[in-house]
Amino acid sequence: MDFVAILSNLLENAVNGCIECGSRDEITVNLRMKKEKLVIVCSNPCKTDLVIENDIIKSKGTGIESILMAIDKYDGNIRYQMEDGILTACVILNC
């Protein structure tokens, strides 16, 4: 259930990010296992005025809070990065 919560919230946030910036570009999601860790990377176009502090989006909504709670259960982490109008979220979970 936690995996579904993380993935669904990442995808919902990505869709909303595209809608907010008026983009029809693609959302990319990559999942892979690396040394007993699950790595999820989700990238999407978004508004360039989004503020990221300490690798997390400053104005966190319910979706991000839900992701953070699920990540804590697996001693994982999340990092957001913005480059050239593309927001990338990288989630690492210990399996």
PDB file of N, CA and C in Angstrom:
ATOM      1  N   MET A   1       0.812  -1.190   0.000  1.00  0.00           N
ATOM      2  CA  MET A   1       0.000   0.000   0.000  1.00  0.00           C
ATOM      3  C   MET A   1       0.857   1.256   0.000  1.00  0.00           C
ATOM      4  N   ASP A   2       1.956   1.234   0.736  1.00  0.00           N
ATOM      5  CA  ASP A   2       2.824   2.416   0.793  1.00  0.00           C
ATOM      6  C   ASP A   2       3.428   2.711  -0.573  1.00  0.00           C
ATOM      7  N   PHE A   3       3.834   1.660  -1.276  1.00  0.00           N
ATOM      8  CA  PHE A   3       4.394   1.839  -2.622  1.00  0.00           C
ATOM      9  C   PHE A   3       3.359   2.488  -3.537  1.00  0.00           C
ATOM     10  N   VAL A   4       2.116   2.017  -3.468  1.00  0.00           N
ATOM     11  CA  VAL A   4       1.040   2.564  -4.289  1.00  0.00           C
ATOM     12  C   VAL A   4       0.800   4.032  -3.919  1.00  0.00           C
ATOM     13  N   ALA A   5       0.827   4.347  -2.633  1.00  0.00           N
ATOM     14  CA  ALA A   5       0.630   5.735  -2.192  1.00  0.00           C
ATOM     15  C   ALA A   5       1.727   6.646  -2.748  1.00  0.00           C
ATOM     16  N   ILE A   6       2.958   6.178  -2.706  1.00  0.00           N
ATOM     17  CA  ILE A   6       4.074   6.979  -3.214  1.00  0.00           C
ATOM     18  C   ILE A   6       3.942   7.186  -4.711  1.00  0.00           C
ATOM     19  N   LEU A   7       3.762   6.093  -5.437  1.00  0.00           N
ATOM     20  CA  LEU A   7       3.701   6.178  -6.894  1.00  0.00           C
ATOM     21  C   LEU A   7       2.487   6.991  -7.367  1.00  0.00           C
ATOM     22  N   SER A   8       1.331   6.765  -6.770  1.00  0.00           N
ATOM     23  CA  SER A   8       0.137   7.495  -7.204  1.00  0.00           C
ATOM     24  C   SER A   8       0.243   8.982  -6.895  1.00  0.00           C
ATOM     25  N   ASN A   9       0.817   9.334  -5.763  1.00  0.00           N
ATOM     26  CA  ASN A   9       0.987  10.752  -5.440  1.00  0.00           C
ATOM     27  C   ASN A   9       2.021  11.410  -6.330  1.00  0.00           C
ATOM     28  N   LEU A  10       3.102  10.713  -6.644  1.00  0.00           N
ATOM     29  CA  LEU A  10       4.085  11.259  -7.586  1.00  0.00           C
ATOM     30  C   LEU A  10       3.445  11.533  -8.945  1.00  0.00           C
ATOM     31  N   LEU A  11       2.652  10.568  -9.424  1.00  0.00           N
ATOM     32  CA  LEU A  11       2.003  10.730 -10.728  1.00  0.00           C
ATOM     33  C   LEU A  11       0.952  11.834 -10.707  1.00  0.00           C
ATOM     34  N   GLU A  12       0.164  11.907  -9.650  1.00  0.00           N
ATOM     35  CA  GLU A  12      -0.843  12.966  -9.553  1.00  0.00           C
ATOM     36  C   GLU A  12      -0.175  14.339  -9.523  1.00  0.00           C
ATOM     37  N   ASN A  13       0.897  14.471  -8.752  1.00  0.00           N
ATOM     38  CA  ASN A  13       1.621  15.741  -8.701  1.00  0.00           C
ATOM     39  C   ASN A  13       2.225  16.088 -10.061  1.00  0.00           C
ATOM     40  N   ALA A  14       2.711  15.084 -10.785  1.00  0.00           N
ATOM     41  CA  ALA A  14       3.296  15.319 -12.107  1.00  0.00           C
ATOM     42  C   ALA A  14       2.230  15.799 -13.091  1.00  0.00           C
ATOM     43  N   VAL A  15       1.059  15.167 -13.075  1.00  0.00           N
ATOM     44  CA  VAL A  15      -0.036  15.588 -13.952  1.00  0.00           C
ATOM     45  C   VAL A  15      -0.457  17.017 -13.611  1.00  0.00           C
ATOM     46  N   ASN A  16      -0.610  17.296 -12.329  1.00  0.00           N
ATOM     47  CA  ASN A  16      -0.988  18.652 -11.912  1.00  0.00           C
ATOM     48  C   ASN A  16       0.071  19.676 -12.308  1.00  0.00           C
ATOM     49  N   GLY A  17       1.336  19.299 -12.207  1.00  0.00           N
ATOM     50  CA  GLY A  17       2.414  20.196 -12.622  1.00  0.00           C
ATOM     51  C   GLY A  17       2.331  20.536 -14.095  1.00  0.00           C
ATOM     52  N   CYS A  18       2.031  19.549 -14.916  1.00  0.00           N
ATOM     53  CA  CYS A  18       1.867  19.778 -16.364  1.00  0.00           C
ATOM     54  C   CYS A  18       0.682  20.689 -16.639  1.00  0.00           C
ATOM     55  N   ILE A  19      -0.409  20.446 -15.958  1.00  0.00           N
ATOM     56  CA  ILE A  19      -1.616  21.260 -16.150  1.00  0.00           C
ATOM     57  C   ILE A  19      -1.345  22.705 -15.747  1.00  0.00           C
ATOM     58  N   GLU A  20      -0.709  22.905 -14.606  1.00  0.00           N
ATOM     59  CA  GLU A  20      -0.457  24.253 -14.102  1.00  0.00           C
ATOM     60  C   GLU A  20       0.436  25.077 -15.021  1.00  0.00           C
ATOM     61  N   CYS A  21       1.367  24.434 -15.690  1.00  0.00           N
ATOM     62  CA  CYS A  21       2.268  25.194 -16.568  1.00  0.00           C
ATOM     63  C   CYS A  21       1.804  25.154 -18.024  1.00  0.00           C
ATOM     64  N   GLY A  22       0.691  24.480 -18.288  1.00  0.00           N
ATOM     65  CA  GLY A  22       0.140  24.431 -19.642  1.00  0.00           C
ATOM     66  C   GLY A  22       0.946  23.575 -20.601  1.00  0.00           C
ATOM     67  N   SER A  23       1.685  22.611 -20.075  1.00  0.00           N
ATOM     68  CA  SER A  23       2.541  21.774 -20.918  1.00  0.00           C
ATOM     69  C   SER A  23       1.830  20.492 -21.334  1.00  0.00           C
ATOM     70  N   ARG A  24       2.124  20.054 -22.530  1.00  0.00           N
ATOM     71  CA  ARG A  24       1.651  18.754 -23.008  1.00  0.00           C
ATOM     72  C   ARG A  24       2.843  17.818 -23.228  1.00  0.00           C
ATOM     73  N   ASP A  25       3.986  18.182 -22.660  1.00  0.00           N
ATOM     74  CA  ASP A  25       5.164  17.322 -22.754  1.00  0.00           C
ATOM     75  C   ASP A  25       4.959  16.080 -21.889  1.00  0.00           C
ATOM     76  N   GLU A  26       5.887  15.167 -21.990  1.00  0.00           N
ATOM     77  CA  GLU A  26       5.693  13.877 -21.331  1.00  0.00           C
ATOM     78  C   GLU A  26       6.153  13.868 -19.879  1.00  0.00           C
ATOM     79  N   ILE A  27       5.545  12.950 -19.155  1.00  0.00           N
ATOM     80  CA  ILE A  27       5.947  12.623 -17.786  1.00  0.00           C
ATOM     81  C   ILE A  27       6.718  11.318 -17.894  1.00  0.00           C
ATOM     82  N   THR A  28       7.889  11.263 -17.295  1.00  0.00           N
ATOM     83  CA  THR A  28       8.661  10.017 -17.321  1.00  0.00           C
ATOM     84  C   THR A  28       8.776   9.463 -15.905  1.00  0.00           C
ATOM     85  N   VAL A  29       8.645   8.154 -15.811  1.00  0.00           N
ATOM     86  CA  VAL A  29       8.787   7.461 -14.531  1.00  0.00           C
ATOM     87  C   VAL A  29       9.699   6.268 -14.763  1.00  0.00           C
ATOM     88  N   ASN A  30      10.710   6.152 -13.935  1.00  0.00           N
ATOM     89  CA  ASN A  30      11.621   5.010 -13.996  1.00  0.00           C
ATOM     90  C   ASN A  30      11.687   4.369 -12.616  1.00  0.00           C
ATOM     91  N   LEU A  31      11.595   3.042 -12.592  1.00  0.00           N
ATOM     92  CA  LEU A  31      11.725   2.288 -11.351  1.00  0.00           C
ATOM     93  C   LEU A  31      12.824   1.254 -11.544  1.00  0.00           C
ATOM     94  N   ARG A  32      13.658   1.103 -10.535  1.00  0.00           N
ATOM     95  CA  ARG A  32      14.701   0.085 -10.621  1.00  0.00           C
ATOM     96  C   ARG A  32      15.157  -0.297  -9.217  1.00  0.00           C
ATOM     97  N   MET A  33      15.681  -1.497  -9.134  1.00  0.00           N
ATOM     98  CA  MET A  33      16.279  -1.970  -7.886  1.00  0.00           C
ATOM     99  C   MET A  33      17.785  -1.789  -7.986  1.00  0.00           C
ATOM    100  N   LYS A  34      18.372  -1.277  -6.920  1.00  0.00           N
ATOM    101  CA  LYS A  34      19.817  -1.101  -6.886  1.00  0.00           C
ATOM    102  C   LYS A  34      20.290  -1.363  -5.459  1.00  0.00           C
ATOM    103  N   LYS A  35      21.054  -2.432  -5.313  1.00  0.00           N
ATOM    104  CA  LYS A  35      21.604  -2.802  -4.005  1.00  0.00           C
ATOM    105  C   LYS A  35      20.540  -2.818  -2.909  1.00  0.00           C
ATOM    106  N   GLU A  36      19.481  -3.594  -3.118  1.00  0.00           N
ATOM    107  CA  GLU A  36      18.394  -3.776  -2.165  1.00  0.00           C
ATOM    108  C   GLU A  36      17.639  -2.490  -1.851  1.00  0.00           C
ATOM    109  N   LYS A  37      17.671  -1.557  -2.773  1.00  0.00           N
ATOM    110  CA  LYS A  37      16.917  -0.317  -2.647  1.00  0.00           C
ATOM    111  C   LYS A  37      16.069  -0.146  -3.901  1.00  0.00           C
ATOM    112  N   LEU A  38      14.846   0.329  -3.709  1.00  0.00           N
ATOM    113  CA  LEU A  38      13.978   0.661  -4.831  1.00  0.00           C
ATOM    114  C   LEU A  38      14.162   2.145  -5.127  1.00  0.00           C
ATOM    115  N   VAL A  39      14.476   2.460  -6.375  1.00  0.00           N
ATOM    116  CA  VAL A  39      14.670   3.844  -6.793  1.00  0.00           C
ATOM    117  C   VAL A  39      13.549   4.201  -7.767  1.00  0.00           C
ATOM    118  N   ILE A  40      12.819   5.256  -7.449  1.00  0.00           N
ATOM    119  CA  ILE A  40      11.747   5.759  -8.306  1.00  0.00           C
ATOM    120  C   ILE A  40      12.126   7.175  -8.718  1.00  0.00           C
ATOM    121  N   VAL A  41      12.164   7.420 -10.023  1.00  0.00           N
ATOM    122  CA  VAL A  41      12.479   8.756 -10.530  1.00  0.00           C
ATOM    123  C   VAL A  41      11.323   9.188 -11.426  1.00  0.00           C
ATOM    124  N   CYS A  42      10.736  10.323 -11.096  1.00  0.00           N
ATOM    125  CA  CYS A  42       9.604  10.864 -11.852  1.00  0.00           C
ATOM    126  C   CYS A  42       9.951  12.283 -12.273  1.00  0.00           C
ATOM    127  N   SER A  43       9.851  12.560 -13.586  1.00  0.00           N
ATOM    128  CA  SER A  43      10.164  13.890 -14.117  1.00  0.00           C
ATOM    129  C   SER A  43       9.001  14.414 -14.930  1.00  0.00           C
ATOM    130  N   ASN A  44       8.750  15.707 -14.800  1.00  0.00           N
ATOM    131  CA  ASN A  44       7.662  16.342 -15.544  1.00  0.00           C
ATOM    132  C   ASN A  44       7.910  17.844 -15.681  1.00  0.00           C
ATOM    133  N   PRO A  45       7.333  18.434 -16.737  1.00  0.00           N
ATOM    134  CA  PRO A  45       7.393  19.888 -16.861  1.00  0.00           C
ATOM    135  C   PRO A  45       6.598  20.519 -15.714  1.00  0.00           C
ATOM    136  N   CYS A  46       7.023  21.695 -15.272  1.00  0.00           N
ATOM    137  CA  CYS A  46       6.259  22.385 -14.236  1.00  0.00           C
ATOM    138  C   CYS A  46       6.600  23.867 -14.236  1.00  0.00           C
ATOM    139  N   LYS A  47       5.874  24.626 -13.420  1.00  0.00           N
ATOM    140  CA  LYS A  47       6.111  26.059 -13.317  1.00  0.00           C
ATOM    141  C   LYS A  47       7.536  26.300 -12.821  1.00  0.00           C
ATOM    142  N   THR A  48       8.179  27.318 -13.381  1.00  0.00           N
ATOM    143  CA  THR A  48       9.562  27.592 -12.999  1.00  0.00           C
ATOM    144  C   THR A  48       9.668  28.357 -11.685  1.00  0.00           C
ATOM    145  N   ASP A  49       8.546  28.829 -11.135  1.00  0.00           N
ATOM    146  CA  ASP A  49       8.598  29.568  -9.873  1.00  0.00           C
ATOM    147  C   ASP A  49       8.447  28.663  -8.644  1.00  0.00           C
ATOM    148  N   LEU A  50       8.454  27.361  -8.852  1.00  0.00           N
ATOM    149  CA  LEU A  50       8.372  26.410  -7.750  1.00  0.00           C
ATOM    150  C   LEU A  50       9.617  26.550  -6.880  1.00  0.00           C
ATOM    151  N   VAL A  51       9.433  26.619  -5.565  1.00  0.00           N
ATOM    152  CA  VAL A  51      10.550  26.809  -4.647  1.00  0.00           C
ATOM    153  C   VAL A  51      10.916  25.471  -4.004  1.00  0.00           C
ATOM    154  N   ILE A  52      12.203  25.124  -4.104  1.00  0.00           N
ATOM    155  CA  ILE A  52      12.724  23.898  -3.493  1.00  0.00           C
ATOM    156  C   ILE A  52      13.758  24.299  -2.447  1.00  0.00           C
ATOM    157  N   GLU A  53      13.556  23.825  -1.215  1.00  0.00           N
ATOM    158  CA  GLU A  53      14.502  24.084  -0.127  1.00  0.00           C
ATOM    159  C   GLU A  53      14.896  22.761   0.505  1.00  0.00           C
ATOM    160  N   ASN A  54      16.183  22.565   0.697  1.00  0.00           N
ATOM    161  CA  ASN A  54      16.687  21.324   1.293  1.00  0.00           C
ATOM    162  C   ASN A  54      16.161  20.097   0.555  1.00  0.00           C
ATOM    163  N   ASP A  55      16.168  20.165  -0.777  1.00  0.00           N
ATOM    164  CA  ASP A  55      15.771  19.059  -1.663  1.00  0.00           C
ATOM    165  C   ASP A  55      14.287  18.700  -1.610  1.00  0.00           C
ATOM    166  N   ILE A  56      13.452  19.555  -1.026  1.00  0.00           N
ATOM    167  CA  ILE A  56      12.018  19.274  -0.944  1.00  0.00           C
ATOM    168  C   ILE A  56      11.254  20.523  -1.387  1.00  0.00           C
ATOM    169  N   ILE A  57      10.082  20.322  -1.983  1.00  0.00           N
ATOM    170  CA  ILE A  57       9.255  21.450  -2.404  1.00  0.00           C
ATOM    171  C   ILE A  57       8.777  22.189  -1.161  1.00  0.00           C
ATOM    172  N   LYS A  58       8.967  23.504  -1.163  1.00  0.00           N
ATOM    173  CA  LYS A  58       8.662  24.302   0.031  1.00  0.00           C
ATOM    174  C   LYS A  58       7.186  24.263   0.403  1.00  0.00           C
ATOM    175  N   SER A  59       6.311  24.484  -0.556  1.00  0.00           N
ATOM    176  CA  SER A  59       4.871  24.477  -0.245  1.00  0.00           C
ATOM    177  C   SER A  59       4.318  23.069  -0.453  1.00  0.00           C
ATOM    178  N   LYS A  60       4.449  22.246   0.588  1.00  0.00           N
ATOM    179  CA  LYS A  60       4.028  20.850   0.508  1.00  0.00           C
ATOM    180  C   LYS A  60       2.515  20.747   0.643  1.00  0.00           C
ATOM    181  N   GLY A  61       1.928  19.957  -0.247  1.00  0.00           N
ATOM    182  CA  GLY A  61       0.508  19.665  -0.157  1.00  0.00           C
ATOM    183  C   GLY A  61       0.295  18.309   0.487  1.00  0.00           C
ATOM    184  N   THR A  62      -0.939  17.863   0.485  1.00  0.00           N
ATOM    185  CA  THR A  62      -1.296  16.581   1.082  1.00  0.00           C
ATOM    186  C   THR A  62      -0.570  15.425   0.414  1.00  0.00           C
ATOM    187  N   GLY A  63      -0.421  15.482  -0.917  1.00  0.00           N
ATOM    188  CA  GLY A  63       0.258  14.408  -1.642  1.00  0.00           C
ATOM    189  C   GLY A  63       1.696  14.233  -1.219  1.00  0.00           C
ATOM    190  N   ILE A  64       2.418  15.340  -1.114  1.00  0.00           N
ATOM    191  CA  ILE A  64       3.823  15.257  -0.702  1.00  0.00           C
ATOM    192  C   ILE A  64       3.929  14.793   0.743  1.00  0.00           C
ATOM    193  N   GLU A  65       3.039  15.281   1.608  1.00  0.00           N
ATOM    194  CA  GLU A  65       3.050  14.825   3.005  1.00  0.00           C
ATOM    195  C   GLU A  65       2.804  13.318   3.074  1.00  0.00           C
ATOM    196  N   SER A  66       1.911  12.802   2.240  1.00  0.00           N
ATOM    197  CA  SER A  66       1.631  11.375   2.192  1.00  0.00           C
ATOM    198  C   SER A  66       2.860  10.591   1.738  1.00  0.00           C
ATOM    199  N   ILE A  67       3.552  11.118   0.737  1.00  0.00           N
ATOM    200  CA  ILE A  67       4.791  10.487   0.262  1.00  0.00           C
ATOM    201  C   ILE A  67       5.821  10.458   1.378  1.00  0.00           C
ATOM    202  N   LEU A  68       5.985  11.569   2.081  1.00  0.00           N
ATOM    203  CA  LEU A  68       6.976  11.652   3.167  1.00  0.00           C
ATOM    204  C   LEU A  68       6.684  10.654   4.281  1.00  0.00           C
ATOM    205  N   MET A  69       5.401  10.492   4.625  1.00  0.00           N
ATOM    206  CA  MET A  69       5.036   9.528   5.670  1.00  0.00           C
ATOM    207  C   MET A  69       5.371   8.102   5.245  1.00  0.00           C
ATOM    208  N   ALA A  70       5.076   7.756   3.986  1.00  0.00           N
ATOM    209  CA  ALA A  70       5.369   6.404   3.492  1.00  0.00           C
ATOM    210  C   ALA A  70       6.872   6.170   3.418  1.00  0.00           C
ATOM    211  N   ILE A  71       7.610   7.169   2.991  1.00  0.00           N
ATOM    212  CA  ILE A  71       9.069   7.043   2.880  1.00  0.00           C
ATOM    213  C   ILE A  71       9.699   6.804   4.253  1.00  0.00           C
ATOM    214  N   ASP A  72       9.181   7.497   5.267  1.00  0.00           N
ATOM    215  CA  ASP A  72       9.721   7.330   6.624  1.00  0.00           C
ATOM    216  C   ASP A  72       9.617   5.891   7.111  1.00  0.00           C
ATOM    217  N   LYS A  73       8.554   5.187   6.719  1.00  0.00           N
ATOM    218  CA  LYS A  73       8.379   3.794   7.147  1.00  0.00           C
ATOM    219  C   LYS A  73       9.498   2.892   6.646  1.00  0.00           C
ATOM    220  N   TYR A  74      10.092   3.258   5.510  1.00  0.00           N
ATOM    221  CA  TYR A  74      11.119   2.416   4.893  1.00  0.00           C
ATOM    222  C   TYR A  74      12.507   3.042   4.985  1.00  0.00           C
ATOM    223  N   ASP A  75      12.657   3.972   5.919  1.00  0.00           N
ATOM    224  CA  ASP A  75      13.943   4.641   6.121  1.00  0.00           C
ATOM    225  C   ASP A  75      14.512   5.108   4.776  1.00  0.00           C
ATOM    226  N   GLY A  76      13.627   5.680   3.960  1.00  0.00           N
ATOM    227  CA  GLY A  76      14.029   6.142   2.636  1.00  0.00           C
ATOM    228  C   GLY A  76      14.173   7.647   2.605  1.00  0.00           C
ATOM    229  N   ASN A  77      14.291   8.168   1.413  1.00  0.00           N
ATOM    230  CA  ASN A  77      14.356   9.617   1.255  1.00  0.00           C
ATOM    231  C   ASN A  77      13.817  10.027  -0.110  1.00  0.00           C
ATOM    232  N   ILE A  78      13.587  11.330  -0.238  1.00  0.00           N
ATOM    233  CA  ILE A  78      13.123  11.904  -1.488  1.00  0.00           C
ATOM    234  C   ILE A  78      13.904  13.187  -1.731  1.00  0.00           C
ATOM    235  N   ARG A  79      14.177  13.439  -2.990  1.00  0.00           N
ATOM    236  CA  ARG A  79      14.902  14.644  -3.375  1.00  0.00           C
ATOM    237  C   ARG A  79      14.250  15.215  -4.621  1.00  0.00           C
ATOM    238  N   TYR A  80      13.940  16.488  -4.576  1.00  0.00           N
ATOM    239  CA  TYR A  80      13.389  17.189  -5.737  1.00  0.00           C
ATOM    240  C   TYR A  80      14.473  18.075  -6.335  1.00  0.00           C
ATOM    241  N   GLN A  81      14.439  18.187  -7.660  1.00  0.00           N
ATOM    242  CA  GLN A  81      15.394  19.029  -8.375  1.00  0.00           C
ATOM    243  C   GLN A  81      14.675  19.661  -9.558  1.00  0.00           C
ATOM    244  N   MET A  82      14.941  20.931  -9.804  1.00  0.00           N
ATOM    245  CA  MET A  82      14.348  21.636 -10.942  1.00  0.00           C
ATOM    246  C   MET A  82      15.471  22.059 -11.881  1.00  0.00           C
ATOM    247  N   GLU A  83      15.305  21.716 -13.165  1.00  0.00           N
ATOM    248  CA  GLU A  83      16.294  22.112 -14.161  1.00  0.00           C
ATOM    249  C   GLU A  83      15.593  22.336 -15.495  1.00  0.00           C
ATOM    250  N   ASP A  84      15.749  23.534 -16.036  1.00  0.00           N
ATOM    251  CA  ASP A  84      15.176  23.890 -17.345  1.00  0.00           C
ATOM    252  C   ASP A  84      13.672  23.617 -17.425  1.00  0.00           C
ATOM    253  N   GLY A  85      12.936  23.949 -16.355  1.00  0.00           N
ATOM    254  CA  GLY A  85      11.488  23.774 -16.358  1.00  0.00           C
ATOM    255  C   GLY A  85      11.015  22.350 -16.151  1.00  0.00           C
ATOM    256  N   ILE A  86      11.932  21.452 -15.826  1.00  0.00           N
ATOM    257  CA  ILE A  86      11.574  20.048 -15.559  1.00  0.00           C
ATOM    258  C   ILE A  86      11.834  19.759 -14.074  1.00  0.00           C
ATOM    259  N   LEU A  87      10.784  19.302 -13.399  1.00  0.00           N
ATOM    260  CA  LEU A  87      10.903  18.916 -12.002  1.00  0.00           C
ATOM    261  C   LEU A  87      11.145  17.412 -11.941  1.00  0.00           C
ATOM    262  N   THR A  88      12.143  17.016 -11.187  1.00  0.00           N
ATOM    263  CA  THR A  88      12.439  15.592 -11.012  1.00  0.00           C
ATOM    264  C   THR A  88      12.380  15.253  -9.526  1.00  0.00           C
ATOM    265  N   ALA A  89      11.622  14.209  -9.223  1.00  0.00           N
ATOM    266  CA  ALA A  89      11.556  13.667  -7.861  1.00  0.00           C
ATOM    267  C   ALA A  89      12.254  12.319  -7.865  1.00  0.00           C
ATOM    268  N   CYS A  90      13.172  12.126  -6.949  1.00  0.00           N
ATOM    269  CA  CYS A  90      13.888  10.855  -6.822  1.00  0.00           C
ATOM    270  C   CYS A  90      13.607  10.291  -5.435  1.00  0.00           C
ATOM    271  N   VAL A  91      12.968   9.131  -5.396  1.00  0.00           N
ATOM    272  CA  VAL A  91      12.622   8.458  -4.146  1.00  0.00           C
ATOM    273  C   VAL A  91      13.476   7.210  -4.027  1.00  0.00           C
ATOM    274  N   ILE A  92      14.053   7.006  -2.850  1.00  0.00           N
ATOM    275  CA  ILE A  92      14.833   5.793  -2.584  1.00  0.00           C
ATOM    276  C   ILE A  92      14.238   5.125  -1.349  1.00  0.00           C
ATOM    277  N   LEU A  93      13.863   3.852  -1.508  1.00  0.00           N
ATOM    278  CA  LEU A  93      13.286   3.080  -0.414  1.00  0.00           C
ATOM    279  C   LEU A  93      14.160   1.868  -0.120  1.00  0.00           C
ATOM    280  N   ASN A  94      14.387   1.590   1.135  1.00  0.00           N
ATOM    281  CA  ASN A  94      15.099   0.384   1.538  1.00  0.00           C
ATOM    282  C   ASN A  94      14.126  -0.781   1.518  1.00  0.00           C
ATOM    283  N   CYS A  95      14.509  -1.850   0.847  1.00  0.00           N
ATOM    284  CA  CYS A  95      13.606  -3.018   0.739  1.00  0.00           C
ATOM    285  C   CYS A  95      14.043  -4.152   1.624  1.00  0.00           C
TER     286      CYS A  95
END
